[in-house]
Amino acid sequence: MDRPKIYCAGPLFNEAERVEMTAIADALVEAGYRVYLPHRDGMEFRLIHELLIDRGHDPAIAGQFLHEAIFALDIYQLVQSCDAVVWNLNGRVPDEGAVSESAMAWILGKPLIAFSNDVRSLIAGRVNPLLVGLVDFSVVRSIDEIVPALREELERASLVRVDPECLPPRVRRAVESGGILQMTINSSSDIVENHQIADCVERLFSPGVRT
């Protein structure tokens, strides 16, 4: 049986945030888990965006449908490819994307662990109950605690295998498109990788091709 694959959800918009998220992912890999860390394991927005502009797309329009591609890729990983989620709540407010991802994992019944050692978002000394309620009001306070907490949660909860046919149509379309994009990323050669990814993004997400 494959080792469980963990989706790392959290803020990724500055160097300090990326360093912390990479440290979380590295701790999971060291413990024997596979991981998906969006900024490292997905596609690089800037490079693909430049290729799409070079192909004649308006920069704003290219940015819009490239964001749709990133959304589909992350939804595929969250819903279909990953078995559990580790959620970093750190920040002045928790990252909006990570909140959305964690809520989806909770709805799907996937094991979910939350980490926070940042006091800036506390309400009367506590994290917002609509957030920590997703993890039964239990938050780990150090990166070293994440792996033991995850092991305990994986032992307690059964891994969920999501049947794509049971998903709502819009979710199913995102999962299917994200899966095709992920296969392209996996199969692309180093030399032409970004061109192959840009081809796939154009084919699936550019205006006029979606149904």
C-alpha atoms as a PDB file:
ATOM      1  CA  MET A   1       0.000   0.000   0.000  1.00  0.00           C
ATOM      2  CA  ASP A   2       1.304   3.479  -0.856  1.00  0.00           C
ATOM      3  CA  ARG A   3       2.362   5.704   1.975  1.00  0.00           C
ATOM      4  CA  PRO A   4      -0.317   8.286   2.824  1.00  0.00           C
ATOM      5  CA  LYS A   5       0.000  11.509   0.865  1.00  0.00           C
ATOM      6  CA  ILE A   6      -0.454  14.740   2.798  1.00  0.00           C
ATOM      7  CA  TYR A   7      -1.697  18.055   1.425  1.00  0.00           C
ATOM      8  CA  CYS A   8       0.178  20.949   3.047  1.00  0.00           C
ATOM      9  CA  ALA A   9      -2.211  23.903   3.305  1.00  0.00           C
ATOM     10  CA  GLY A  10      -1.039  27.300   4.475  1.00  0.00           C
ATOM     11  CA  PRO A  11       0.320  30.729   3.547  1.00  0.00           C
ATOM     12  CA  LEU A  12       2.874  30.826   0.719  1.00  0.00           C
ATOM     13  CA  PHE A  13       3.130  34.481  -0.259  1.00  0.00           C
ATOM     14  CA  ASN A  14       6.456  35.582   1.205  1.00  0.00           C
ATOM     15  CA  GLU A  15       9.816  33.962   1.906  1.00  0.00           C
ATOM     16  CA  ALA A  16       9.204  33.392   5.626  1.00  0.00           C
ATOM     17  CA  GLU A  17       5.880  31.681   4.921  1.00  0.00           C
ATOM     18  CA  ARG A  18       7.407  29.464   2.243  1.00  0.00           C
ATOM     19  CA  VAL A  19      10.299  28.511   4.548  1.00  0.00           C
ATOM     20  CA  GLU A  20       7.851  27.497   7.289  1.00  0.00           C
ATOM     21  CA  MET A  21       5.663  25.500   4.898  1.00  0.00           C
ATOM     22  CA  THR A  22       8.739  23.764   3.482  1.00  0.00           C
ATOM     23  CA  ALA A  23       9.842  22.875   7.018  1.00  0.00           C
ATOM     24  CA  ILE A  24       6.424  21.297   7.642  1.00  0.00           C
ATOM     25  CA  ALA A  25       6.615  19.343   4.378  1.00  0.00           C
ATOM     26  CA  ASP A  26      10.182  18.224   5.110  1.00  0.00           C
ATOM     27  CA  ALA A  27       9.166  16.950   8.554  1.00  0.00           C
ATOM     28  CA  LEU A  28       6.405  14.886   6.941  1.00  0.00           C
ATOM     29  CA  VAL A  29       8.736  13.459   4.286  1.00  0.00           C
ATOM     30  CA  GLU A  30      11.318  12.580   6.928  1.00  0.00           C
ATOM     31  CA  ALA A  31       8.590  10.674   8.776  1.00  0.00           C
ATOM     32  CA  GLY A  32       7.853   8.630   5.639  1.00  0.00           C
ATOM     33  CA  TYR A  33       4.860  10.459   4.164  1.00  0.00           C
ATOM     34  CA  ARG A  34       4.419  11.701   0.629  1.00  0.00           C
ATOM     35  CA  VAL A  35       3.445  15.356   0.408  1.00  0.00           C
ATOM     36  CA  TYR A  36       1.917  17.917  -1.907  1.00  0.00           C
ATOM     37  CA  LEU A  37       3.210  21.432  -1.269  1.00  0.00           C
ATOM     38  CA  PRO A  38       1.479  23.708  -3.794  1.00  0.00           C
ATOM     39  CA  HIS A  39       4.218  26.278  -4.414  1.00  0.00           C
ATOM     40  CA  ARG A  40       6.866  23.569  -4.825  1.00  0.00           C
ATOM     41  CA  ASP A  41       4.999  20.655  -6.395  1.00  0.00           C
ATOM     42  CA  GLY A  42       2.524  22.489  -8.617  1.00  0.00           C
ATOM     43  CA  MET A  43       3.434  24.796 -11.481  1.00  0.00           C
ATOM     44  CA  GLU A  44       5.149  28.163 -11.387  1.00  0.00           C
ATOM     45  CA  PHE A  45       2.656  30.889 -12.245  1.00  0.00           C
ATOM     46  CA  ARG A  46       5.206  33.411 -13.549  1.00  0.00           C
ATOM     47  CA  LEU A  47       6.857  31.097 -16.083  1.00  0.00           C
ATOM     48  CA  ILE A  48       3.613  29.718 -17.509  1.00  0.00           C
ATOM     49  CA  HIS A  49       2.082  33.209 -17.568  1.00  0.00           C
ATOM     50  CA  GLU A  50       5.025  34.503 -19.620  1.00  0.00           C
ATOM     51  CA  LEU A  51       4.627  31.651 -22.120  1.00  0.00           C
ATOM     52  CA  LEU A  52       0.911  32.345 -22.495  1.00  0.00           C
ATOM     53  CA  ILE A  53       1.612  36.044 -23.144  1.00  0.00           C
ATOM     54  CA  ASP A  54       4.269  35.082 -25.718  1.00  0.00           C
ATOM     55  CA  ARG A  55       1.553  33.045 -27.463  1.00  0.00           C
ATOM     56  CA  GLY A  56      -0.593  36.144 -27.873  1.00  0.00           C
ATOM     57  CA  HIS A  57      -2.870  36.013 -24.837  1.00  0.00           C
ATOM     58  CA  ASP A  58      -3.747  39.260 -23.107  1.00  0.00           C
ATOM     59  CA  PRO A  59      -1.831  39.312 -19.777  1.00  0.00           C
ATOM     60  CA  ALA A  60      -4.948  39.837 -17.656  1.00  0.00           C
ATOM     61  CA  ILE A  61      -6.922  37.130 -19.439  1.00  0.00           C
ATOM     62  CA  ALA A  62      -3.969  34.732 -19.297  1.00  0.00           C
ATOM     63  CA  GLY A  63      -3.648  35.383 -15.574  1.00  0.00           C
ATOM     64  CA  GLN A  64      -7.342  34.678 -15.071  1.00  0.00           C
ATOM     65  CA  PHE A  65      -7.439  31.295 -16.788  1.00  0.00           C
ATOM     66  CA  LEU A  66      -4.076  30.331 -15.314  1.00  0.00           C
ATOM     67  CA  HIS A  67      -5.574  30.926 -11.877  1.00  0.00           C
ATOM     68  CA  GLU A  68      -8.432  28.618 -12.903  1.00  0.00           C
ATOM     69  CA  ALA A  69      -5.831  25.986 -13.805  1.00  0.00           C
ATOM     70  CA  ILE A  70      -4.085  26.351 -10.438  1.00  0.00           C
ATOM     71  CA  PHE A  71      -7.451  26.052  -8.682  1.00  0.00           C
ATOM     72  CA  ALA A  72      -8.263  22.836 -10.551  1.00  0.00           C
ATOM     73  CA  LEU A  73      -4.809  21.377  -9.873  1.00  0.00           C
ATOM     74  CA  ASP A  74      -5.069  22.037  -6.142  1.00  0.00           C
ATOM     75  CA  ILE A  75      -8.648  20.719  -6.004  1.00  0.00           C
ATOM     76  CA  TYR A  76      -7.545  17.516  -7.712  1.00  0.00           C
ATOM     77  CA  GLN A  77      -4.734  17.062  -5.200  1.00  0.00           C
ATOM     78  CA  LEU A  78      -6.988  17.824  -2.247  1.00  0.00           C
ATOM     79  CA  VAL A  79      -9.986  15.732  -3.297  1.00  0.00           C
ATOM     80  CA  GLN A  80      -8.467  12.846  -5.229  1.00  0.00           C
ATOM     81  CA  SER A  81      -4.726  12.501  -4.743  1.00  0.00           C
ATOM     82  CA  CYS A  82      -4.084  13.324  -1.081  1.00  0.00           C
ATOM     83  CA  ASP A  83      -5.224  11.309   1.924  1.00  0.00           C
ATOM     84  CA  ALA A  84      -5.015  13.947   4.670  1.00  0.00           C
ATOM     85  CA  VAL A  85      -4.333  17.643   5.239  1.00  0.00           C
ATOM     86  CA  VAL A  86      -1.901  19.472   7.508  1.00  0.00           C
ATOM     87  CA  TRP A  87      -3.123  23.034   7.906  1.00  0.00           C
ATOM     88  CA  ASN A  88      -0.902  25.942   8.969  1.00  0.00           C
ATOM     89  CA  LEU A  89      -3.052  28.671  10.533  1.00  0.00           C
ATOM     90  CA  ASN A  90      -0.184  31.117  11.123  1.00  0.00           C
ATOM     91  CA  GLY A  91      -0.527  34.688   9.900  1.00  0.00           C
ATOM     92  CA  ARG A  92      -2.216  37.925  10.940  1.00  0.00           C
ATOM     93  CA  VAL A  93      -5.304  36.086   9.733  1.00  0.00           C
ATOM     94  CA  PRO A  94      -5.230  32.459   8.544  1.00  0.00           C
ATOM     95  CA  ASP A  95      -4.613  32.137   4.796  1.00  0.00           C
ATOM     96  CA  GLU A  96      -7.936  32.247   2.928  1.00  0.00           C
ATOM     97  CA  GLY A  97      -7.012  29.517   0.475  1.00  0.00           C
ATOM     98  CA  ALA A  98      -5.903  27.186   3.257  1.00  0.00           C
ATOM     99  CA  VAL A  99      -9.161  27.828   5.123  1.00  0.00           C
ATOM    100  CA  SER A 100     -11.099  26.839   1.990  1.00  0.00           C
ATOM    101  CA  GLU A 101      -8.943  23.732   1.459  1.00  0.00           C
ATOM    102  CA  SER A 102      -9.309  22.632   5.068  1.00  0.00           C
ATOM    103  CA  ALA A 103     -13.074  23.129   5.004  1.00  0.00           C
ATOM    104  CA  MET A 104     -13.269  20.930   1.901  1.00  0.00           C
ATOM    105  CA  ALA A 105     -11.133  18.254   3.579  1.00  0.00           C
ATOM    106  CA  TRP A 106     -13.452  18.355   6.606  1.00  0.00           C
ATOM    107  CA  ILE A 107     -16.555  17.986   4.427  1.00  0.00           C
ATOM    108  CA  LEU A 108     -14.934  15.024   2.649  1.00  0.00           C
ATOM    109  CA  GLY A 109     -14.095  13.379   5.969  1.00  0.00           C
ATOM    110  CA  LYS A 110     -10.336  13.446   5.424  1.00  0.00           C
ATOM    111  CA  PRO A 111      -7.964  13.463   8.411  1.00  0.00           C
ATOM    112  CA  LEU A 112      -7.058  17.064   9.226  1.00  0.00           C
ATOM    113  CA  ILE A 113      -4.384  18.450  11.557  1.00  0.00           C
ATOM    114  CA  ALA A 114      -4.001  22.152  12.401  1.00  0.00           C
ATOM    115  CA  PHE A 115      -0.787  23.891  13.454  1.00  0.00           C
ATOM    116  CA  SER A 116      -0.498  27.394  14.903  1.00  0.00           C
ATOM    117  CA  ASN A 117       2.037  29.209  17.068  1.00  0.00           C
ATOM    118  CA  ASP A 118       0.964  32.730  16.070  1.00  0.00           C
ATOM    119  CA  VAL A 119      -1.102  34.808  18.505  1.00  0.00           C
ATOM    120  CA  ARG A 120      -2.083  37.556  16.045  1.00  0.00           C
ATOM    121  CA  SER A 121      -5.371  35.995  14.929  1.00  0.00           C
ATOM    122  CA  LEU A 122      -6.638  35.022  18.374  1.00  0.00           C
ATOM    123  CA  ILE A 123     -10.073  36.150  19.568  1.00  0.00           C
ATOM    124  CA  ALA A 124     -10.047  36.614  23.354  1.00  0.00           C
ATOM    125  CA  GLY A 125      -7.074  34.288  23.496  1.00  0.00           C
ATOM    126  CA  ARG A 126      -8.606  31.668  21.212  1.00  0.00           C
ATOM    127  CA  VAL A 127      -8.593  30.817  17.512  1.00  0.00           C
ATOM    128  CA  ASN A 128     -11.874  31.522  15.703  1.00  0.00           C
ATOM    129  CA  PRO A 129     -14.203  28.628  16.632  1.00  0.00           C
ATOM    130  CA  LEU A 130     -15.383  28.215  13.027  1.00  0.00           C
ATOM    131  CA  LEU A 131     -11.787  27.351  12.156  1.00  0.00           C
ATOM    132  CA  VAL A 132     -10.677  25.164  15.046  1.00  0.00           C
ATOM    133  CA  GLY A 133     -14.053  23.451  15.050  1.00  0.00           C
ATOM    134  CA  LEU A 134     -12.854  21.722  11.882  1.00  0.00           C
ATOM    135  CA  VAL A 135     -10.140  19.994  13.952  1.00  0.00           C
ATOM    136  CA  ASP A 136     -12.221  19.287  17.062  1.00  0.00           C
ATOM    137  CA  PHE A 137     -10.736  22.379  18.767  1.00  0.00           C
ATOM    138  CA  SER A 138      -7.282  20.797  18.921  1.00  0.00           C
ATOM    139  CA  VAL A 139      -4.279  22.664  17.483  1.00  0.00           C
ATOM    140  CA  VAL A 140      -0.624  21.628  17.702  1.00  0.00           C
ATOM    141  CA  ARG A 141       1.800  24.392  18.683  1.00  0.00           C
ATOM    142  CA  SER A 142       5.101  23.273  17.151  1.00  0.00           C
ATOM    143  CA  ILE A 143       6.239  21.635  13.929  1.00  0.00           C
ATOM    144  CA  ASP A 144       7.673  18.765  15.989  1.00  0.00           C
ATOM    145  CA  GLU A 145       4.142  17.934  17.181  1.00  0.00           C
ATOM    146  CA  ILE A 146       2.665  17.653  13.681  1.00  0.00           C
ATOM    147  CA  VAL A 147       3.863  14.141  12.808  1.00  0.00           C
ATOM    148  CA  PRO A 148       2.741  12.487  16.092  1.00  0.00           C
ATOM    149  CA  ALA A 149      -0.638  14.231  15.857  1.00  0.00           C
ATOM    150  CA  LEU A 150      -1.040  13.160  12.239  1.00  0.00           C
ATOM    151  CA  ARG A 151      -0.152   9.556  13.037  1.00  0.00           C
ATOM    152  CA  GLU A 152      -2.755   9.527  15.791  1.00  0.00           C
ATOM    153  CA  GLU A 153      -5.392  11.006  13.496  1.00  0.00           C
ATOM    154  CA  LEU A 154      -4.611   8.551  10.698  1.00  0.00           C
ATOM    155  CA  GLU A 155      -4.915   5.646  13.156  1.00  0.00           C
ATOM    156  CA  ARG A 156      -8.216   6.989  14.442  1.00  0.00           C
ATOM    157  CA  ALA A 157      -9.828   7.836  11.112  1.00  0.00           C
ATOM    158  CA  SER A 158     -10.215   5.669   8.046  1.00  0.00           C
ATOM    159  CA  LEU A 159      -8.717   6.989   4.819  1.00  0.00           C
ATOM    160  CA  VAL A 160     -11.401   8.310   2.509  1.00  0.00           C
ATOM    161  CA  ARG A 161     -11.441   7.298  -1.157  1.00  0.00           C
ATOM    162  CA  VAL A 162     -13.565   9.787  -3.047  1.00  0.00           C
ATOM    163  CA  ASP A 163     -15.574   8.480  -5.993  1.00  0.00           C
ATOM    164  CA  PRO A 164     -15.468  11.251  -8.637  1.00  0.00           C
ATOM    165  CA  GLU A 165     -18.880  10.167  -9.927  1.00  0.00           C
ATOM    166  CA  CYS A 166     -20.404  11.096  -6.575  1.00  0.00           C
ATOM    167  CA  LEU A 167     -19.078  14.652  -6.657  1.00  0.00           C
ATOM    168  CA  PRO A 168     -21.196  17.642  -7.672  1.00  0.00           C
ATOM    169  CA  PRO A 169     -20.692  18.431 -11.380  1.00  0.00           C
ATOM    170  CA  ARG A 170     -18.570  21.564 -10.875  1.00  0.00           C
ATOM    171  CA  VAL A 171     -16.302  19.801  -8.402  1.00  0.00           C
ATOM    172  CA  ARG A 172     -16.012  16.778 -10.682  1.00  0.00           C
ATOM    173  CA  ARG A 173     -14.994  18.989 -13.618  1.00  0.00           C
ATOM    174  CA  ALA A 174     -12.320  20.680 -11.528  1.00  0.00           C
ATOM    175  CA  VAL A 175     -10.988  17.327 -10.315  1.00  0.00           C
ATOM    176  CA  GLU A 176     -10.918  15.893 -13.839  1.00  0.00           C
ATOM    177  CA  SER A 177      -9.192  18.938 -15.339  1.00  0.00           C
ATOM    178  CA  GLY A 178      -6.736  19.123 -12.457  1.00  0.00           C
ATOM    179  CA  GLY A 179      -5.933  15.442 -12.877  1.00  0.00           C
ATOM    180  CA  ILE A 180      -5.135  15.909 -16.564  1.00  0.00           C
ATOM    181  CA  LEU A 181      -2.929  18.887 -15.735  1.00  0.00           C
ATOM    182  CA  GLN A 182      -1.124  16.917 -13.024  1.00  0.00           C
ATOM    183  CA  MET A 183      -0.469  14.056 -15.454  1.00  0.00           C
ATOM    184  CA  THR A 184       1.023  16.568 -17.885  1.00  0.00           C
ATOM    185  CA  ILE A 185       3.261  17.990 -15.146  1.00  0.00           C
ATOM    186  CA  ASN A 186       4.368  14.481 -14.175  1.00  0.00           C
ATOM    187  CA  SER A 187       5.142  13.413 -17.729  1.00  0.00           C
ATOM    188  CA  SER A 188       6.787  16.586 -19.022  1.00  0.00           C
ATOM    189  CA  SER A 189      10.491  16.466 -19.793  1.00  0.00           C
ATOM    190  CA  ASP A 190      12.846  18.982 -18.211  1.00  0.00           C
ATOM    191  CA  ILE A 191      13.598  20.571 -21.582  1.00  0.00           C
ATOM    192  CA  VAL A 192      10.071  21.349 -22.744  1.00  0.00           C
ATOM    193  CA  GLU A 193       8.226  21.019 -19.436  1.00  0.00           C
ATOM    194  CA  ASN A 194       6.774  24.524 -19.244  1.00  0.00           C
ATOM    195  CA  HIS A 195       5.711  24.507 -22.909  1.00  0.00           C
ATOM    196  CA  GLN A 196       3.838  21.228 -22.397  1.00  0.00           C
ATOM    197  CA  ILE A 197       2.169  22.607 -19.284  1.00  0.00           C
ATOM    198  CA  ALA A 198       1.215  25.802 -21.122  1.00  0.00           C
ATOM    199  CA  ASP A 199      -0.258  23.668 -23.929  1.00  0.00           C
ATOM    200  CA  CYS A 200      -2.390  21.806 -21.393  1.00  0.00           C
ATOM    201  CA  VAL A 201      -3.510  25.002 -19.653  1.00  0.00           C
ATOM    202  CA  GLU A 202      -4.551  26.514 -22.989  1.00  0.00           C
ATOM    203  CA  ARG A 203      -6.409  23.367 -24.031  1.00  0.00           C
ATOM    204  CA  LEU A 204      -8.360  23.039 -20.788  1.00  0.00           C
ATOM    205  CA  PHE A 205      -8.836  26.563 -19.469  1.00  0.00           C
ATOM    206  CA  SER A 206      -8.441  29.265 -22.123  1.00  0.00           C
ATOM    207  CA  PRO A 207     -11.637  31.243 -22.954  1.00  0.00           C
ATOM    208  CA  GLY A 208     -13.947  29.467 -25.343  1.00  0.00           C
ATOM    209  CA  VAL A 209     -12.875  25.900 -24.547  1.00  0.00           C
ATOM    210  CA  ARG A 210     -14.738  25.293 -21.261  1.00  0.00           C
ATOM    211  CA  THR A 211     -18.226  23.841 -21.215  1.00  0.00           C
END
